[in-house]
């Protein structure tokens, strides 16, 4: 059994990431094997979690993967660890729009049978903190709030008032943190700046977060709370048999072909091992760890490359995956790497499977903010003032290397760019909410879209992609 804690807050901006990352680093520094997790679709926070623990940061998204996969995915990531720390998303009870508790931190905490530590920004309150904590602790009796960490506390007197107010609440104070500029992480248009873009500074920030947590938190009390979690009784998710642990009856729509069978391997006597190149580096940091695991389980050899540095695709590339990231921050460098842009265009022209999401979509476009990109798609992209954000219920409009026409998948959009036109002659997805529209491009072996997907919820996508590569 893995001891576990969920770090939540009444709202965004309270300091969840600082506290969760600091706890991960502090416990890892004490010699514990710590498994890091993040509720929701966010790619950036898991990068800091990985830096703090030395293990891949993994997402637990009940909307994209289904409620039945949360515990198995958790067990998969936490196998062999002493402790798991799960950072929540937004406010504790905030989830997918118009979907009740679905994909909320509270729902994930219940699915994991995990105690919750509530991080409260106390900078503008004193006695009112008791009413706030009481409300959150009593809202859902199935959510166990086992302690509070008070963040941004100004003075000793302020701390005294807060502790006095919470004394009769029944929720213990497990930490008090002062304001500390050294632990801050810079943000920009889509949230925190990823670790890959500020490696040395990120290392220093995580170390400072660990020091702050060690100085201000009851580490033994937090560990005891984590160890009080009951046995989970869930079988770990296994990429090779992912279909057996699909949506667990949660009703999440998935690819229809064979959701109850194993992801098919690629027998050596039937076909050679296809080599799938996955874009990485500072410009393409958005990737779920399970994607590479599913590609490998389906019979592929997965290799990474950096479009900012590498002038050629890995030798023998038979398929290409270009995930999300920040190409808009590196447009000049990506454009200047003309040899790689030509190599990607040639691979696409040869009909090779290419799966591109968001940043990958922009990279395949003719131009981004006026700079030449790969020119695979007859479309131009640019930065926008408008933030596009939210979960998406998507239906494949046309057959592609990821899905047959009519297949349903759930995903997420998060960008401040636009591409014109928004869809090709053959669109990738028909979106059902928040408004009905088609978007993306299916062109030869290319599937390019703004929608991020989590293949653990639809493992047939990885299998189908590898089969096309082979």
Protein backbone atom coordinates (compact mmCIF):
# COMPACT_ATOMS: atom_id res chain seq x y z
CA UNK A 1 0.00 0.00 0.00
CA UNK A 2 1.30 3.44 -0.95
CA UNK A 3 0.88 6.25 1.58
CA UNK A 4 -0.72 9.22 -0.16
CA UNK A 5 -1.81 12.82 0.20
CA UNK A 6 -3.84 15.12 -2.04
CA UNK A 7 -2.78 18.78 -1.92
CA UNK A 8 -5.80 20.99 -2.64
CA UNK A 9 -6.90 24.59 -2.17
CA UNK A 10 -10.09 26.67 -2.08
CA UNK A 11 -9.12 28.28 -5.39
CA UNK A 12 -6.32 28.70 -7.89
CA UNK A 13 -3.42 30.89 -6.78
CA UNK A 14 -3.32 29.70 -3.17
CA UNK A 15 0.07 28.01 -3.57
CA UNK A 16 -0.76 24.36 -4.37
CA UNK A 17 2.14 23.89 -6.75
CA UNK A 18 4.65 25.46 -4.37
CA UNK A 19 3.48 23.33 -1.43
CA UNK A 20 3.07 20.09 -3.39
CA UNK A 21 6.45 20.41 -5.12
CA UNK A 22 8.13 21.43 -1.88
CA UNK A 23 6.67 18.43 -0.08
CA UNK A 24 7.74 16.08 -2.86
CA UNK A 25 11.31 17.41 -2.77
CA UNK A 26 11.46 17.48 1.02
CA UNK A 27 10.27 13.90 1.43
CA UNK A 28 12.54 12.73 -1.39
CA UNK A 29 15.42 14.48 0.36
CA UNK A 30 14.67 12.39 3.44
CA UNK A 31 15.25 9.23 1.42
CA UNK A 32 11.66 8.33 0.57
CA UNK A 33 10.68 7.18 -2.91
CA UNK A 34 8.03 9.76 -3.82
CA UNK A 35 5.54 9.33 -6.65
CA UNK A 36 4.33 12.67 -8.12
CA UNK A 37 0.86 13.15 -9.58
CA UNK A 38 -1.26 16.01 -10.90
CA UNK A 39 -5.06 16.16 -11.15
CA UNK A 40 -6.27 17.35 -14.54
CA UNK A 41 -4.68 17.91 -17.95
CA UNK A 42 -1.86 20.30 -16.97
CA UNK A 43 1.56 19.44 -18.46
CA UNK A 44 3.72 22.08 -16.77
CA UNK A 45 3.37 21.29 -13.06
CA UNK A 46 4.38 17.63 -13.58
CA UNK A 47 7.73 18.88 -14.94
CA UNK A 48 8.47 20.50 -11.57
CA UNK A 49 7.22 17.40 -9.79
CA UNK A 50 9.63 15.26 -11.81
CA UNK A 51 12.47 17.59 -10.92
CA UNK A 52 11.58 17.28 -7.22
CA UNK A 53 11.32 13.49 -7.16
CA UNK A 54 13.40 12.07 -10.00
CA UNK A 55 10.33 10.22 -11.30
CA UNK A 56 7.94 11.05 -14.17
CA UNK A 57 5.15 13.39 -13.16
CA UNK A 58 1.85 11.70 -14.05
CA UNK A 59 -1.60 13.13 -14.62
CA UNK A 60 -4.85 11.79 -13.20
CA UNK A 61 -7.62 13.12 -15.42
CA UNK A 62 -11.05 11.62 -14.86
CA UNK A 63 -12.57 13.43 -17.84
CA UNK A 64 -10.11 12.25 -20.49
CA UNK A 65 -9.35 8.81 -19.03
CA UNK A 66 -12.54 7.93 -17.15
CA UNK A 67 -13.09 7.53 -13.42
CA UNK A 68 -12.37 3.81 -13.60
CA UNK A 69 -8.77 4.44 -14.66
CA UNK A 70 -7.80 6.89 -11.90
CA UNK A 71 -6.84 4.30 -9.28
CA UNK A 72 -5.13 1.95 -11.79
CA UNK A 73 -3.10 4.81 -13.31
CA UNK A 74 -2.16 5.95 -9.81
CA UNK A 75 -1.02 2.44 -8.85
CA UNK A 76 0.98 2.20 -12.09
CA UNK A 77 2.85 5.42 -11.36
CA UNK A 78 3.27 4.82 -7.62
CA UNK A 79 4.40 1.19 -7.79
CA UNK A 80 7.39 0.63 -5.51
CA UNK A 81 7.14 4.06 -3.86
CA UNK A 82 6.89 4.93 -0.18
CA UNK A 83 4.68 7.97 -0.63
CA UNK A 84 2.57 9.61 -3.32
CA UNK A 85 1.78 13.33 -3.41
CA UNK A 86 -1.09 14.38 -5.67
CA UNK A 87 -1.41 18.05 -6.56
CA UNK A 88 -4.98 19.15 -7.20
CA UNK A 89 -6.40 21.42 -9.88
CA UNK A 90 -8.16 24.78 -9.39
CA UNK A 91 -10.36 24.79 -6.28
CA UNK A 92 -11.01 21.52 -4.45
CA UNK A 93 -14.53 21.07 -5.82
CA UNK A 94 -13.98 22.59 -9.28
CA UNK A 95 -14.22 20.17 -12.20
CA UNK A 96 -15.30 19.94 -15.82
CA UNK A 97 -17.84 22.62 -16.73
CA UNK A 98 -21.47 21.50 -16.36
CA UNK A 99 -20.32 18.02 -15.29
CA UNK A 100 -20.79 18.17 -11.52
CA UNK A 101 -17.78 16.84 -9.65
CA UNK A 102 -16.27 15.12 -12.72
CA UNK A 103 -12.49 15.66 -12.98
CA UNK A 104 -12.37 17.67 -9.74
CA UNK A 105 -9.70 17.24 -7.10
CA UNK A 106 -12.42 16.13 -4.69
CA UNK A 107 -13.52 13.34 -7.01
CA UNK A 108 -9.96 12.11 -7.52
CA UNK A 109 -9.34 12.20 -3.75
CA UNK A 110 -12.41 10.00 -3.24
CA UNK A 111 -11.38 7.60 -5.99
CA UNK A 112 -7.95 7.27 -4.36
CA UNK A 113 -9.36 7.14 -0.81
CA UNK A 114 -6.74 9.77 -0.02
CA UNK A 115 -6.73 12.38 2.76
CA UNK A 116 -6.68 15.99 1.61
CA UNK A 117 -4.44 18.79 2.86
CA UNK A 118 -6.01 22.18 2.17
CA UNK A 119 -3.59 24.99 1.27
CA UNK A 120 -5.15 28.30 2.27
CA UNK A 121 -3.92 31.71 1.18
CA UNK A 122 -4.19 33.48 4.53
CA UNK A 123 -2.74 36.79 3.38
CA UNK A 124 -6.00 38.77 3.71
CA UNK A 125 -7.85 37.06 6.55
CA UNK A 126 -7.63 36.00 10.18
CA UNK A 127 -10.66 34.56 12.01
CA UNK A 128 -12.57 34.05 8.76
CA UNK A 129 -10.16 31.24 7.91
CA UNK A 130 -12.06 28.98 10.31
CA UNK A 131 -15.35 29.51 8.43
CA UNK A 132 -13.61 28.87 5.12
CA UNK A 133 -12.02 25.61 6.28
CA UNK A 134 -15.23 24.48 7.99
CA UNK A 135 -17.18 25.02 4.78
CA UNK A 136 -14.76 23.03 2.65
CA UNK A 137 -14.47 20.24 5.21
CA UNK A 138 -18.23 19.81 5.57
CA UNK A 139 -19.33 20.28 1.95
CA UNK A 140 -18.83 16.64 0.95
CA UNK A 141 -18.66 14.12 3.84
CA UNK A 142 -16.82 11.66 1.58
CA UNK A 143 -13.89 14.06 1.21
CA UNK A 144 -11.59 13.79 4.19
CA UNK A 145 -9.72 17.02 4.87
CA UNK A 146 -7.02 15.88 7.24
CA UNK A 147 -5.15 19.13 7.72
CA UNK A 148 -4.50 22.70 6.66
CA UNK A 149 -1.35 24.45 5.50
CA UNK A 150 -1.58 28.21 5.92
CA UNK A 151 0.30 30.02 3.15
CA UNK A 152 1.50 33.63 2.84
CA UNK A 153 1.27 34.29 6.56
CA UNK A 154 2.65 37.75 7.35
CA UNK A 155 3.84 37.77 11.00
CA UNK A 156 3.92 35.76 14.21
CA UNK A 157 0.88 37.71 15.38
CA UNK A 158 -0.97 36.83 12.18
CA UNK A 159 -0.08 33.17 12.69
CA UNK A 160 -1.37 33.29 16.28
CA UNK A 161 -4.73 34.67 15.16
CA UNK A 162 -5.08 32.04 12.45
CA UNK A 163 -4.20 29.16 14.75
CA UNK A 164 -6.56 30.43 17.43
CA UNK A 165 -9.42 30.64 14.93
CA UNK A 166 -8.77 27.12 13.65
CA UNK A 167 -8.36 25.65 17.13
CA UNK A 168 -12.00 24.58 17.38
CA UNK A 169 -12.48 23.57 13.76
CA UNK A 170 -11.33 19.99 14.23
CA UNK A 171 -8.93 20.35 11.28
CA UNK A 172 -5.31 20.47 12.44
CA UNK A 173 -2.81 23.03 11.18
CA UNK A 174 -0.01 21.03 9.57
CA UNK A 175 2.05 23.92 8.28
CA UNK A 176 2.49 27.68 8.29
CA UNK A 177 4.45 29.25 5.43
CA UNK A 178 5.66 32.83 5.24
CA UNK A 179 5.93 34.81 2.04
CA UNK A 180 9.14 33.75 0.29
CA UNK A 181 10.15 35.29 -3.08
CA UNK A 182 12.81 32.59 -3.62
CA UNK A 183 10.16 29.90 -4.12
CA UNK A 184 8.27 31.81 -6.80
CA UNK A 185 8.05 30.39 -10.30
CA UNK A 186 7.61 32.83 -13.22
CA UNK A 187 4.45 32.69 -15.29
CA UNK A 188 3.39 33.84 -18.74
CA UNK A 189 0.43 33.49 -21.10
CA UNK A 190 -0.28 29.78 -20.43
CA UNK A 191 0.83 29.45 -16.81
CA UNK A 192 4.19 28.60 -15.30
CA UNK A 193 7.33 28.63 -17.44
CA UNK A 194 8.25 24.93 -18.01
CA UNK A 195 11.28 23.37 -16.35
CA UNK A 196 12.94 22.69 -19.71
CA UNK A 197 13.14 26.43 -20.37
CA UNK A 198 14.76 27.38 -17.05
CA UNK A 199 16.54 24.26 -15.82
CA UNK A 200 19.07 25.85 -13.44
CA UNK A 201 16.60 28.38 -12.05
CA UNK A 202 13.97 25.65 -11.65
CA UNK A 203 16.40 23.50 -9.65
CA UNK A 204 17.06 26.43 -7.31
CA UNK A 205 13.33 27.19 -6.95
CA UNK A 206 12.47 23.58 -6.09
CA UNK A 207 15.28 23.47 -3.53
CA UNK A 208 13.94 26.68 -1.96
CA UNK A 209 10.43 25.21 -1.89
CA UNK A 210 11.73 22.14 -0.08
CA UNK A 211 13.53 24.30 2.48
CA UNK A 212 10.41 26.39 3.07
CA UNK A 213 8.27 23.28 3.59
CA UNK A 214 10.80 21.70 5.95
CA UNK A 215 10.96 24.88 8.01
CA UNK A 216 7.22 25.50 8.18
CA UNK A 217 5.42 22.15 8.03
CA UNK A 218 4.87 19.27 10.42
CA UNK A 219 6.57 16.65 8.28
CA UNK A 220 5.87 13.79 10.69
CA UNK A 221 2.21 14.81 10.95
CA UNK A 222 1.89 14.95 7.16
CA UNK A 223 3.54 11.55 6.77
CA UNK A 224 1.29 10.04 9.44
CA UNK A 225 -1.75 11.46 7.64
CA UNK A 226 -0.56 9.99 4.35
CA UNK A 227 -0.05 6.59 5.99
CA UNK A 228 -3.59 6.68 7.38
CA UNK A 229 -5.02 6.19 3.88
CA UNK A 230 -6.76 2.82 3.59
CA UNK A 231 -5.83 0.08 1.15
CA UNK A 232 -6.83 1.08 -2.37
CA UNK A 233 -7.45 -2.41 -3.82
CA UNK A 234 -6.86 -1.46 -7.45
CA UNK A 235 -4.87 -3.35 -10.05
CA UNK A 236 -2.12 -1.22 -11.62
CA UNK A 237 -2.67 -0.02 -15.17
CA UNK A 238 -0.46 -1.97 -17.58
CA UNK A 239 0.16 -0.59 -21.09
CA UNK A 240 0.16 -4.05 -22.67
CA UNK A 241 -3.29 -4.85 -21.29
CA UNK A 242 -4.65 -1.33 -21.16
CA UNK A 243 -7.88 -2.26 -22.91
CA UNK A 244 -8.95 -4.40 -19.96
CA UNK A 245 -8.88 -1.40 -17.65
CA UNK A 246 -10.60 0.99 -20.04
CA UNK A 247 -13.25 3.32 -18.66
CA UNK A 248 -14.40 1.15 -15.78
CA UNK A 249 -18.03 1.74 -16.65
CA UNK A 250 -17.71 5.49 -16.22
CA UNK A 251 -19.38 6.21 -19.53
CA UNK A 252 -16.38 7.94 -21.09
CA UNK A 253 -16.61 7.49 -24.86
CA UNK A 254 -13.69 5.61 -26.40
CA UNK A 255 -12.55 4.14 -29.68
CA UNK A 256 -15.02 1.43 -30.65
CA UNK A 257 -12.98 -1.32 -32.27
CA UNK A 258 -11.86 -3.45 -29.32
CA UNK A 259 -11.95 -1.66 -26.00
CA UNK A 260 -11.86 -4.94 -24.09
CA UNK A 261 -8.78 -6.51 -25.65
CA UNK A 262 -5.07 -6.06 -25.24
CA UNK A 263 -3.11 -3.48 -27.21
CA UNK A 264 -1.70 -5.72 -29.95
CA UNK A 265 2.08 -6.16 -29.99
CA UNK A 266 4.07 -6.20 -33.20
CA UNK A 267 5.43 -9.75 -33.67
CA UNK A 268 8.96 -9.71 -35.05
CA UNK A 269 8.14 -12.33 -37.66
CA UNK A 270 5.25 -10.26 -39.02
CA UNK A 271 6.83 -6.84 -39.41
CA UNK A 272 9.95 -4.91 -38.40
CA UNK A 273 9.86 -2.70 -35.33
CA UNK A 274 8.69 0.75 -36.42
CA UNK A 275 10.68 3.69 -35.09
CA UNK A 276 8.49 6.53 -33.78
CA UNK A 277 10.21 9.87 -33.28
CA UNK A 278 8.76 12.08 -30.53
CA UNK A 279 9.50 15.82 -30.49
CA UNK A 280 10.98 17.15 -27.25
CA UNK A 281 13.23 19.94 -26.06
CA UNK A 282 12.21 23.35 -24.76
CA UNK A 283 9.69 24.06 -27.54
CA UNK A 284 7.73 20.79 -27.16
CA UNK A 285 7.44 19.98 -23.46
CA UNK A 286 3.83 18.76 -23.33
CA UNK A 287 3.63 14.98 -23.23
CA UNK A 288 1.98 12.36 -21.04
CA UNK A 289 4.34 9.58 -19.94
CA UNK A 290 1.74 6.95 -20.82
CA UNK A 291 1.89 7.86 -24.54
CA UNK A 292 5.45 6.59 -24.97
CA UNK A 293 4.61 3.55 -22.83
CA UNK A 294 1.62 2.69 -25.03
CA UNK A 295 3.61 3.18 -28.23
CA UNK A 296 6.28 0.84 -26.88
CA UNK A 297 3.67 -1.69 -25.76
CA UNK A 298 2.17 -1.62 -29.27
CA UNK A 299 5.53 -2.61 -30.74
CA UNK A 300 7.28 0.65 -31.55
CA UNK A 301 10.76 1.85 -30.74
CA UNK A 302 10.35 5.36 -29.32
CA UNK A 303 13.15 7.90 -29.83
CA UNK A 304 13.17 11.59 -28.98
CA UNK A 305 14.57 14.53 -30.90
CA UNK A 306 14.78 18.29 -30.35
CA UNK A 307 13.50 20.48 -33.21
CA UNK A 308 15.51 23.39 -31.80
CA UNK A 309 18.81 21.53 -32.11
CA UNK A 310 18.56 18.52 -34.40
CA UNK A 311 18.83 19.15 -38.13
CA UNK A 312 17.55 15.71 -39.08
CA UNK A 313 14.94 13.27 -37.86
CA UNK A 314 16.27 10.17 -36.08
CA UNK A 315 17.57 7.65 -38.59
CA UNK A 316 14.91 5.21 -39.72
CA UNK A 317 11.94 7.29 -38.52
CA UNK A 318 8.70 5.71 -39.71
CA UNK A 319 6.27 7.81 -37.68
CA UNK A 320 6.31 11.16 -35.92
CA UNK A 321 4.58 12.46 -32.79
CA UNK A 322 4.72 16.22 -32.16
CA UNK A 323 2.94 17.15 -28.96
CA UNK A 324 2.22 20.44 -27.27
CA UNK A 325 4.49 23.15 -26.00
CA UNK A 326 5.50 26.70 -26.81
CA UNK A 327 6.59 27.02 -30.43
CA UNK A 328 5.41 30.64 -30.30
CA UNK A 329 8.28 31.36 -27.88
CA UNK A 330 10.81 29.73 -30.20
CA UNK A 331 9.43 30.67 -33.61
CA UNK A 332 12.68 32.20 -34.85
CA UNK A 333 14.79 29.18 -33.84
CA UNK A 334 12.32 26.65 -35.25
CA UNK A 335 12.10 28.56 -38.51
CA UNK A 336 15.88 28.87 -38.76
CA UNK A 337 16.25 25.07 -38.59
CA UNK A 338 15.42 24.70 -42.26
CA UNK A 339 16.96 21.21 -42.72
CA UNK A 340 14.63 19.71 -40.11
CA UNK A 341 11.60 21.55 -41.46
CA UNK A 342 12.31 20.06 -44.89
CA UNK A 343 12.80 16.59 -43.38
CA UNK A 344 9.42 16.77 -41.67
CA UNK A 345 7.75 17.96 -44.88
CA UNK A 346 9.35 15.12 -46.84
CA UNK A 347 8.23 12.55 -44.26
CA UNK A 348 4.67 13.86 -44.49
CA UNK A 349 4.78 13.85 -48.32
CA UNK A 350 5.83 10.20 -48.20
CA UNK A 351 2.62 9.40 -46.32
CA UNK A 352 4.23 8.52 -42.99
CA UNK A 353 1.97 8.70 -39.92
CA UNK A 354 2.28 12.02 -38.09
CA UNK A 355 0.27 12.85 -34.97
CA UNK A 356 0.46 16.54 -34.04
CA UNK A 357 -1.30 18.27 -31.16
CA UNK A 358 -1.51 22.04 -30.59
CA UNK A 359 2.16 23.09 -30.79
CA UNK A 360 2.67 20.29 -33.30
CA UNK A 361 -0.19 21.67 -35.36
CA UNK A 362 1.50 25.10 -35.45
CA UNK A 363 4.84 23.56 -36.40
CA UNK A 364 3.28 21.75 -39.35
CA UNK A 365 1.62 24.94 -40.61
CA UNK A 366 2.92 27.06 -43.47
CA UNK A 367 3.85 29.87 -41.08
CA UNK A 368 3.72 30.93 -37.43
CA UNK A 369 3.60 34.68 -36.75
CA UNK A 370 4.89 35.24 -40.29
CA UNK A 371 7.88 32.90 -39.96
CA UNK A 372 8.12 29.83 -42.22
CA UNK A 373 7.34 26.50 -40.55
CA UNK A 374 7.23 23.02 -42.07
CA UNK A 375 4.61 23.83 -44.70
CA UNK A 376 2.88 20.47 -44.37
CA UNK A 377 -0.51 22.16 -43.89
CA UNK A 378 -1.91 24.88 -46.12
CA UNK A 379 -2.61 27.09 -43.11
CA UNK A 380 -1.06 29.96 -41.19
CA UNK A 381 -0.90 30.40 -37.41
CA UNK A 382 -0.46 33.42 -35.19
CA UNK A 383 -0.60 34.51 -31.56
CA UNK A 384 -3.95 35.76 -30.28
CA UNK A 385 -5.23 37.73 -27.30
CA UNK A 386 -7.98 35.17 -26.74
CA UNK A 387 -7.41 32.18 -24.48
CA UNK A 388 -9.06 28.97 -25.69
CA UNK A 389 -9.42 26.63 -22.74
CA UNK A 390 -11.55 23.65 -21.80
CA UNK A 391 -12.36 19.99 -22.12
CA UNK A 392 -13.59 18.71 -25.46
CA UNK A 393 -15.85 15.80 -26.42
CA UNK A 394 -14.59 14.96 -29.89
CA UNK A 395 -15.78 12.72 -32.72
CA UNK A 396 -13.45 11.70 -35.54
CA UNK A 397 -14.84 13.22 -38.73
CA UNK A 398 -12.60 11.21 -41.07
CA UNK A 399 -10.49 8.06 -40.93
CA UNK A 400 -6.98 8.85 -39.74
CA UNK A 401 -3.87 7.24 -38.32
CA UNK A 402 -5.32 7.76 -34.81
CA UNK A 403 -8.99 6.90 -35.17
CA UNK A 404 -11.60 5.64 -37.62
CA UNK A 405 -14.41 7.98 -38.59
CA UNK A 406 -17.07 8.06 -35.90
CA UNK A 407 -14.76 7.20 -33.02
CA UNK A 408 -15.14 9.35 -29.94
CA UNK A 409 -12.36 10.59 -27.71
CA UNK A 410 -12.16 13.17 -24.97
CA UNK A 411 -9.50 15.84 -24.92
CA UNK A 412 -8.53 19.33 -23.84
CA UNK A 413 -7.74 22.63 -25.56
CA UNK A 414 -5.37 25.22 -24.08
CA UNK A 415 -3.82 27.87 -26.32
CA UNK A 416 -3.55 31.55 -27.19
CA UNK A 417 -3.02 31.06 -30.90
CA UNK A 418 -5.29 30.72 -33.92
CA UNK A 419 -4.76 28.91 -37.20
CA UNK A 420 -6.45 29.89 -40.45
CA UNK A 421 -8.25 28.00 -41.77
CA UNK A 422 -9.22 26.17 -38.57
CA UNK A 423 -9.91 22.93 -40.42
CA UNK A 424 -8.72 21.27 -43.60
CA UNK A 425 -10.72 19.81 -46.46
CA UNK A 426 -10.75 16.69 -44.28
CA UNK A 427 -11.19 17.78 -40.65
CA UNK A 428 -9.78 15.88 -37.69
CA UNK A 429 -12.52 16.29 -35.08
CA UNK A 430 -16.08 17.38 -34.70
CA UNK A 431 -16.38 19.04 -31.28
CA UNK A 432 -19.63 18.81 -29.35
CA UNK A 433 -19.01 21.51 -26.73
CA UNK A 434 -18.84 24.32 -25.77
CA UNK A 435 -20.02 24.96 -29.35
CA UNK A 436 -20.38 22.61 -32.27
CA UNK A 437 -17.58 23.00 -34.80
CA UNK A 438 -15.07 21.00 -36.79
CA UNK A 439 -11.35 21.55 -36.44
CA UNK A 440 -7.98 20.11 -37.34
CA UNK A 441 -6.55 18.43 -40.40
CA UNK A 442 -6.43 14.89 -41.78
CA UNK A 443 -4.11 14.84 -44.76
CA UNK A 444 -2.47 11.64 -45.97
CA UNK A 445 -0.84 10.19 -42.86
CA UNK A 446 -1.12 13.45 -40.92
CA UNK A 447 -3.53 13.99 -38.03
CA UNK A 448 -3.09 17.54 -36.71
CA UNK A 449 -5.34 19.26 -34.20
CA UNK A 450 -5.48 21.72 -31.32
CA UNK A 451 -7.04 19.02 -29.10
CA UNK A 452 -4.74 17.32 -26.61
CA UNK A 453 -5.73 13.71 -25.91
CA UNK A 454 -4.66 11.21 -23.25
CA UNK A 455 -4.14 7.86 -24.91
CA UNK A 456 -4.50 5.90 -21.67
CA UNK A 457 -8.22 6.57 -22.03
CA UNK A 458 -8.18 5.31 -25.65
CA UNK A 459 -5.21 2.94 -26.02
CA UNK A 460 -6.41 1.85 -29.44
CA UNK A 461 -5.16 5.21 -30.74
CA UNK A 462 -1.56 4.23 -29.99
CA UNK A 463 -2.05 0.75 -31.42
CA UNK A 464 -3.60 2.10 -34.61
CA UNK A 465 -0.80 4.65 -35.01
CA UNK A 466 1.91 1.98 -34.66
CA UNK A 467 0.12 -0.32 -37.08
CA UNK A 468 0.12 2.48 -39.67
CA UNK A 469 3.84 3.09 -38.99
CA UNK A 470 4.58 -0.55 -39.63
